[in-house]
PDB file of all heavy atoms in Angstrom:
ATOM      1  N   LYS A   1      57.654  54.553  75.031  1.00  0.00           N
ATOM      2  CA  LYS A   1      56.839  55.492  74.251  1.00  0.00           C
ATOM      3  C   LYS A   1      55.411  54.986  74.090  1.00  0.00           C
ATOM      4  O   LYS A   1      54.456  55.763  74.117  1.00  0.00           O
ATOM      5  CB  LYS A   1      57.457  55.734  72.884  1.00  0.00           C
ATOM      6  CG  LYS A   1      56.617  56.729  72.081  1.00  0.00           C
ATOM      7  CD  LYS A   1      57.123  56.990  70.707  1.00  0.00           C
ATOM      8  CE  LYS A   1      56.150  57.930  69.982  1.00  0.00           C
ATOM      9  NZ  LYS A   1      56.590  58.246  68.618  1.00  0.00           N
ATOM     10  N   GLN A   2      55.246  53.668  73.919  1.00  0.00           N
ATOM     11  CA  GLN A   2      53.897  53.129  73.761  1.00  0.00           C
ATOM     12  C   GLN A   2      53.080  53.274  75.047  1.00  0.00           C
ATOM     13  O   GLN A   2      51.865  53.495  74.991  1.00  0.00           O
ATOM     14  CB  GLN A   2      53.971  51.663  73.345  1.00  0.00           C
ATOM     15  CG  GLN A   2      54.517  51.479  71.943  1.00  0.00           C
ATOM     16  CD  GLN A   2      54.272  50.091  71.410  1.00  0.00           C
ATOM     17  OE1 GLN A   2      53.159  49.585  71.452  1.00  0.00           O
ATOM     18  NE2 GLN A   2      55.319  49.466  70.900  1.00  0.00           N
ATOM     19  N   VAL A   3      53.741  53.169  76.181  1.00  0.00           N
ATOM     20  CA  VAL A   3      53.042  53.303  77.456  1.00  0.00           C
ATOM     21  C   VAL A   3      52.807  54.771  77.792  1.00  0.00           C
ATOM     22  O   VAL A   3      51.754  55.142  78.334  1.00  0.00           O
ATOM     23  CB  VAL A   3      53.838  52.611  78.578  1.00  0.00           C
ATOM     24  CG1 VAL A   3      53.169  52.806  79.930  1.00  0.00           C
ATOM     25  CG2 VAL A   3      53.986  51.126  78.272  1.00  0.00           C
ATOM     26  N   THR A   4      53.783  55.620  77.488  1.00  0.00           N
ATOM     27  CA  THR A   4      53.705  57.059  77.804  1.00  0.00           C
ATOM     28  C   THR A   4      54.079  57.853  76.552  1.00  0.00           C
ATOM     29  O   THR A   4      55.205  58.336  76.420  1.00  0.00           O
ATOM     30  CB  THR A   4      54.652  57.425  78.962  1.00  0.00           C
ATOM     31  OG1 THR A   4      56.002  57.072  78.593  1.00  0.00           O
ATOM     32  CG2 THR A   4      54.285  56.685  80.215  1.00  0.00           C
ATOM     33  N   PRO A   5      53.138  58.016  75.624  1.00  0.00           N
ATOM     34  CA  PRO A   5      53.457  58.626  74.322  1.00  0.00           C
ATOM     35  C   PRO A   5      54.027  60.035  74.394  1.00  0.00           C
ATOM     36  O   PRO A   5      54.766  60.442  73.492  1.00  0.00           O
ATOM     37  CB  PRO A   5      52.102  58.623  73.606  1.00  0.00           C
ATOM     38  CG  PRO A   5      51.309  57.557  74.272  1.00  0.00           C
ATOM     39  CD  PRO A   5      51.741  57.567  75.698  1.00  0.00           C
ATOM     40  N   GLN A   6      53.701  60.794  75.442  1.00  0.00           N
ATOM     41  CA  GLN A   6      54.173  62.178  75.544  1.00  0.00           C
ATOM     42  C   GLN A   6      55.435  62.310  76.394  1.00  0.00           C
ATOM     43  O   GLN A   6      55.908  63.424  76.633  1.00  0.00           O
ATOM     44  CB  GLN A   6      53.072  63.057  76.141  1.00  0.00           C
ATOM     45  CG  GLN A   6      51.769  63.042  75.356  1.00  0.00           C
ATOM     46  CD  GLN A   6      51.957  63.478  73.916  1.00  0.00           C
ATOM     47  OE1 GLN A   6      52.701  64.415  73.631  1.00  0.00           O
ATOM     48  NE2 GLN A   6      51.296  62.793  73.007  1.00  0.00           N
ATOM     49  N   SER A   7      55.973  61.199  76.836  1.00  0.00           N
ATOM     50  CA  SER A   7      57.122  61.260  77.736  1.00  0.00           C
ATOM     51  C   SER A   7      58.370  61.756  77.024  1.00  0.00           C
ATOM     52  O   SER A   7      58.512  61.662  75.796  1.00  0.00           O
ATOM     53  CB  SER A   7      57.405  59.874  78.324  1.00  0.00           C
ATOM     54  OG  SER A   7      57.775  58.964  77.301  1.00  0.00           O
ATOM     55  N   LYS A   8      59.281  62.303  77.819  1.00  0.00           N
ATOM     56  CA  LYS A   8      60.611  62.675  77.345  1.00  0.00           C
ATOM     57  C   LYS A   8      61.602  61.670  77.920  1.00  0.00           C
ATOM     58  O   LYS A   8      61.690  61.502  79.137  1.00  0.00           O
ATOM     59  CB  LYS A   8      60.970  64.097  77.780  1.00  0.00           C
ATOM     60  CG  LYS A   8      60.096  65.169  77.135  1.00  0.00           C
ATOM     61  CD  LYS A   8      60.201  65.143  75.614  1.00  0.00           C
ATOM     62  CE  LYS A   8      59.324  66.220  74.972  1.00  0.00           C
ATOM     63  NZ  LYS A   8      59.391  66.157  73.487  1.00  0.00           N
ATOM     64  N   ILE A   9      62.307  60.993  77.032  1.00  0.00           N
ATOM     65  CA  ILE A   9      63.210  59.920  77.427  1.00  0.00           C
ATOM     66  C   ILE A   9      64.644  60.430  77.375  1.00  0.00           C
ATOM     67  O   ILE A   9      65.095  60.949  76.352  1.00  0.00           O
ATOM     68  CB  ILE A   9      63.037  58.708  76.500  1.00  0.00           C
ATOM     69  CG1 ILE A   9      61.598  58.184  76.584  1.00  0.00           C
ATOM     70  CG2 ILE A   9      64.041  57.608  76.848  1.00  0.00           C
ATOM     71  CD1 ILE A   9      61.247  57.156  75.530  1.00  0.00           C
ATOM     72  N   VAL A  10      65.345  60.278  78.487  1.00  0.00           N
ATOM     73  CA  VAL A  10      66.733  60.736  78.582  1.00  0.00           C
ATOM     74  C   VAL A  10      67.645  59.510  78.676  1.00  0.00           C
ATOM     75  O   VAL A  10      67.618  58.800  79.679  1.00  0.00           O
ATOM     76  CB  VAL A  10      66.944  61.644  79.811  1.00  0.00           C
ATOM     77  CG1 VAL A  10      68.381  62.167  79.833  1.00  0.00           C
ATOM     78  CG2 VAL A  10      65.948  62.804  79.795  1.00  0.00           C
ATOM     79  N   PRO A  11      68.450  59.245  77.638  1.00  0.00           N
ATOM     80  CA  PRO A  11      69.344  58.086  77.680  1.00  0.00           C
ATOM     81  C   PRO A  11      70.588  58.337  78.529  1.00  0.00           C
ATOM     82  O   PRO A  11      71.233  59.380  78.410  1.00  0.00           O
ATOM     83  CB  PRO A  11      69.740  57.881  76.202  1.00  0.00           C
ATOM     84  CG  PRO A  11      68.864  58.790  75.404  1.00  0.00           C
ATOM     85  CD  PRO A  11      68.472  59.903  76.319  1.00  0.00           C
ATOM     86  N   TYR A  12      70.894  57.365  79.376  1.00  0.00           N
ATOM     87  CA  TYR A  12      72.163  57.338  80.112  1.00  0.00           C
ATOM     88  C   TYR A  12      72.857  56.025  79.732  1.00  0.00           C
ATOM     89  O   TYR A  12      72.389  54.948  80.098  1.00  0.00           O
ATOM     90  CB  TYR A  12      71.921  57.402  81.623  1.00  0.00           C
ATOM     91  CG  TYR A  12      71.310  58.706  82.077  1.00  0.00           C
ATOM     92  CD1 TYR A  12      69.938  58.894  82.068  1.00  0.00           C
ATOM     93  CD2 TYR A  12      72.120  59.760  82.500  1.00  0.00           C
ATOM     94  CE1 TYR A  12      69.371  60.092  82.461  1.00  0.00           C
ATOM     95  CE2 TYR A  12      71.562  60.968  82.907  1.00  0.00           C
ATOM     96  CZ  TYR A  12      70.190  61.127  82.881  1.00  0.00           C
ATOM     97  OH  TYR A  12      69.630  62.319  83.276  1.00  0.00           O
ATOM     98  N   LYS A  13      73.926  56.139  78.978  1.00  0.00           N
ATOM     99  CA  LYS A  13      74.574  54.932  78.446  1.00  0.00           C
ATOM    100  C   LYS A  13      75.569  54.364  79.444  1.00  0.00           C
ATOM    101  O   LYS A  13      76.485  55.040  79.888  1.00  0.00           O
ATOM    102  CB  LYS A  13      75.288  55.238  77.125  1.00  0.00           C
ATOM    103  CG  LYS A  13      75.988  54.025  76.525  1.00  0.00           C
ATOM    104  CD  LYS A  13      76.702  54.345  75.217  1.00  0.00           C
ATOM    105  CE  LYS A  13      75.771  54.281  74.051  1.00  0.00           C
ATOM    106  NZ  LYS A  13      76.506  54.327  72.760  1.00  0.00           N
ATOM    107  N   ILE A  14      75.361  53.063  79.770  1.00  0.00           N
ATOM    108  CA  ILE A  14      76.272  52.389  80.691  1.00  0.00           C
ATOM    109  C   ILE A  14      76.807  51.084  80.088  1.00  0.00           C
ATOM    110  O   ILE A  14      77.559  50.361  80.747  1.00  0.00           O
ATOM    111  CB  ILE A  14      75.605  52.121  82.056  1.00  0.00           C
ATOM    112  CG1 ILE A  14      74.181  51.556  81.910  1.00  0.00           C
ATOM    113  CG2 ILE A  14      75.526  53.411  82.869  1.00  0.00           C
ATOM    114  CD1 ILE A  14      74.112  50.100  81.637  1.00  0.00           C
ATOM    115  N   ILE A  15      76.426  50.810  78.844  1.00  0.00           N
ATOM    116  CA  ILE A  15      76.912  49.615  78.147  1.00  0.00           C
ATOM    117  C   ILE A  15      76.980  49.930  76.655  1.00  0.00           C
ATOM    118  O   ILE A  15      76.142  50.661  76.127  1.00  0.00           O
ATOM    119  CB  ILE A  15      75.997  48.401  78.424  1.00  0.00           C
ATOM    120  CG1 ILE A  15      76.653  47.116  77.942  1.00  0.00           C
ATOM    121  CG2 ILE A  15      74.618  48.594  77.854  1.00  0.00           C
ATOM    122  CD1 ILE A  15      75.931  45.867  78.407  1.00  0.00           C
ATOM    123  N   ASP A  16      77.993  49.388  75.975  1.00  0.00           N
ATOM    124  CA  ASP A  16      78.225  49.768  74.580  1.00  0.00           C
ATOM    125  C   ASP A  16      78.461  48.574  73.666  1.00  0.00           C
ATOM    126  O   ASP A  16      78.434  48.718  72.450  1.00  0.00           O
ATOM    127  CB  ASP A  16      79.428  50.717  74.496  1.00  0.00           C
ATOM    128  CG  ASP A  16      79.549  51.385  73.133  1.00  0.00           C
ATOM    129  OD1 ASP A  16      78.509  51.749  72.570  1.00  0.00           O
ATOM    130  OD2 ASP A  16      80.682  51.540  72.648  1.00  0.00           O
ATOM    131  N   VAL A  17      78.694  47.403  74.241  1.00  0.00           N
ATOM    132  CA  VAL A  17      79.027  46.233  73.444  1.00  0.00           C
ATOM    133  C   VAL A  17      78.086  45.103  73.816  1.00  0.00           C
ATOM    134  O   VAL A  17      77.886  44.805  75.003  1.00  0.00           O
ATOM    135  CB  VAL A  17      80.490  45.791  73.671  1.00  0.00           C
ATOM    136  CG1 VAL A  17      80.816  44.562  72.819  1.00  0.00           C
ATOM    137  CG2 VAL A  17      81.449  46.927  73.353  1.00  0.00           C
ATOM    138  N   LYS A  18      77.522  44.448  72.814  1.00  0.00           N
ATOM    139  CA  LYS A  18      76.610  43.341  73.054  1.00  0.00           C
ATOM    140  C   LYS A  18      77.319  42.219  73.801  1.00  0.00           C
ATOM    141  O   LYS A  18      78.477  41.924  73.546  1.00  0.00           O
ATOM    142  CB  LYS A  18      76.073  42.812  71.723  1.00  0.00           C
ATOM    143  CG  LYS A  18      74.799  42.009  71.855  1.00  0.00           C
ATOM    144  CD  LYS A  18      74.185  41.743  70.494  1.00  0.00           C
ATOM    145  CE  LYS A  18      72.838  41.059  70.636  1.00  0.00           C
ATOM    146  NZ  LYS A  18      72.188  40.836  69.330  1.00  0.00           N
ATOM    147  N   GLU A  19      76.602  41.604  74.735  1.00  0.00           N
ATOM    148  CA  GLU A  19      77.103  40.502  75.569  1.00  0.00           C
ATOM    149  C   GLU A  19      78.084  40.958  76.654  1.00  0.00           C
ATOM    150  O   GLU A  19      78.584  40.152  77.414  1.00  0.00           O
ATOM    151  CB  GLU A  19      77.780  39.404  74.721  1.00  0.00           C
ATOM    152  CG  GLU A  19      76.931  38.863  73.595  1.00  0.00           C
ATOM    153  CD  GLU A  19      75.619  38.259  74.069  1.00  0.00           C
ATOM    154  OE1 GLU A  19      75.560  37.800  75.225  1.00  0.00           O
ATOM    155  OE2 GLU A  19      74.655  38.266  73.288  1.00  0.00           O
ATOM    156  N   SER A  20      78.386  42.253  76.727  1.00  0.00           N
ATOM    157  CA  SER A  20      79.268  42.729  77.792  1.00  0.00           C
ATOM    158  C   SER A  20      78.431  43.065  79.026  1.00  0.00           C
ATOM    159  O   SER A  20      77.213  43.149  78.971  1.00  0.00           O
ATOM    160  CB  SER A  20      80.067  43.950  77.344  1.00  0.00           C
ATOM    161  OG  SER A  20      79.214  45.059  77.154  1.00  0.00           O
ATOM    162  N   LYS A  21      79.099  43.255  80.158  1.00  0.00           N
ATOM    163  CA  LYS A  21      78.423  43.555  81.405  1.00  0.00           C
ATOM    164  C   LYS A  21      78.583  45.030  81.757  1.00  0.00           C
ATOM    165  O   LYS A  21      79.648  45.607  81.555  1.00  0.00           O
ATOM    166  CB  LYS A  21      78.976  42.686  82.531  1.00  0.00           C
ATOM    167  CG  LYS A  21      78.714  41.201  82.357  1.00  0.00           C
ATOM    168  CD  LYS A  21      79.264  40.406  83.530  1.00  0.00           C
ATOM    169  CE  LYS A  21      78.980  38.921  83.357  1.00  0.00           C
ATOM    170  NZ  LYS A  21      79.519  38.117  84.485  1.00  0.00           N
ATOM    171  N   ALA A  22      77.521  45.606  82.300  1.00  0.00           N
ATOM    172  CA  ALA A  22      77.589  46.996  82.735  1.00  0.00           C
ATOM    173  C   ALA A  22      78.359  47.089  84.045  1.00  0.00           C
ATOM    174  O   ALA A  22      78.256  46.211  84.909  1.00  0.00           O
ATOM    175  CB  ALA A  22      76.190  47.563  82.906  1.00  0.00           C
ATOM    176  N   ASP A  23      79.117  48.154  84.207  1.00  0.00           N
ATOM    177  CA  ASP A  23      79.825  48.422  85.452  1.00  0.00           C
ATOM    178  C   ASP A  23      78.807  48.932  86.481  1.00  0.00           C
ATOM    179  O   ASP A  23      78.129  49.936  86.252  1.00  0.00           O
ATOM    180  CB  ASP A  23      80.903  49.473  85.187  1.00  0.00           C
ATOM    181  CG  ASP A  23      81.791  49.741  86.398  1.00  0.00           C
ATOM    182  OD1 ASP A  23      81.314  49.601  87.532  1.00  0.00           O
ATOM    183  OD2 ASP A  23      82.955  50.099  86.203  1.00  0.00           O
ATOM    184  N   SER A  24      78.694  48.242  87.601  1.00  0.00           N
ATOM    185  CA  SER A  24      77.714  48.630  88.625  1.00  0.00           C
ATOM    186  C   SER A  24      77.920  50.057  89.108  1.00  0.00           C
ATOM    187  O   SER A  24      76.959  50.772  89.399  1.00  0.00           O
ATOM    188  CB  SER A  24      77.773  47.667  89.815  1.00  0.00           C
ATOM    189  OG  SER A  24      77.303  46.396  89.460  1.00  0.00           O
ATOM    190  N   LEU A  25      79.168  50.482  89.202  1.00  0.00           N
ATOM    191  CA  LEU A  25      79.433  51.855  89.648  1.00  0.00           C
ATOM    192  C   LEU A  25      78.884  52.866  88.649  1.00  0.00           C
ATOM    193  O   LEU A  25      78.385  53.928  89.049  1.00  0.00           O
ATOM    194  CB  LEU A  25      80.931  52.064  89.847  1.00  0.00           C
ATOM    195  CG  LEU A  25      81.538  51.372  91.070  1.00  0.00           C
ATOM    196  CD1 LEU A  25      83.047  51.593  91.114  1.00  0.00           C
ATOM    197  CD2 LEU A  25      80.898  51.862  92.363  1.00  0.00           C
TER     198      LEU A  25
END
């Protein structure tokens, strides 16, 4: 947001627990 204040950010969640690893697939 600081770099692109007018941008629209779309979250895609691939990790949910701290210290866990994201599934590459």
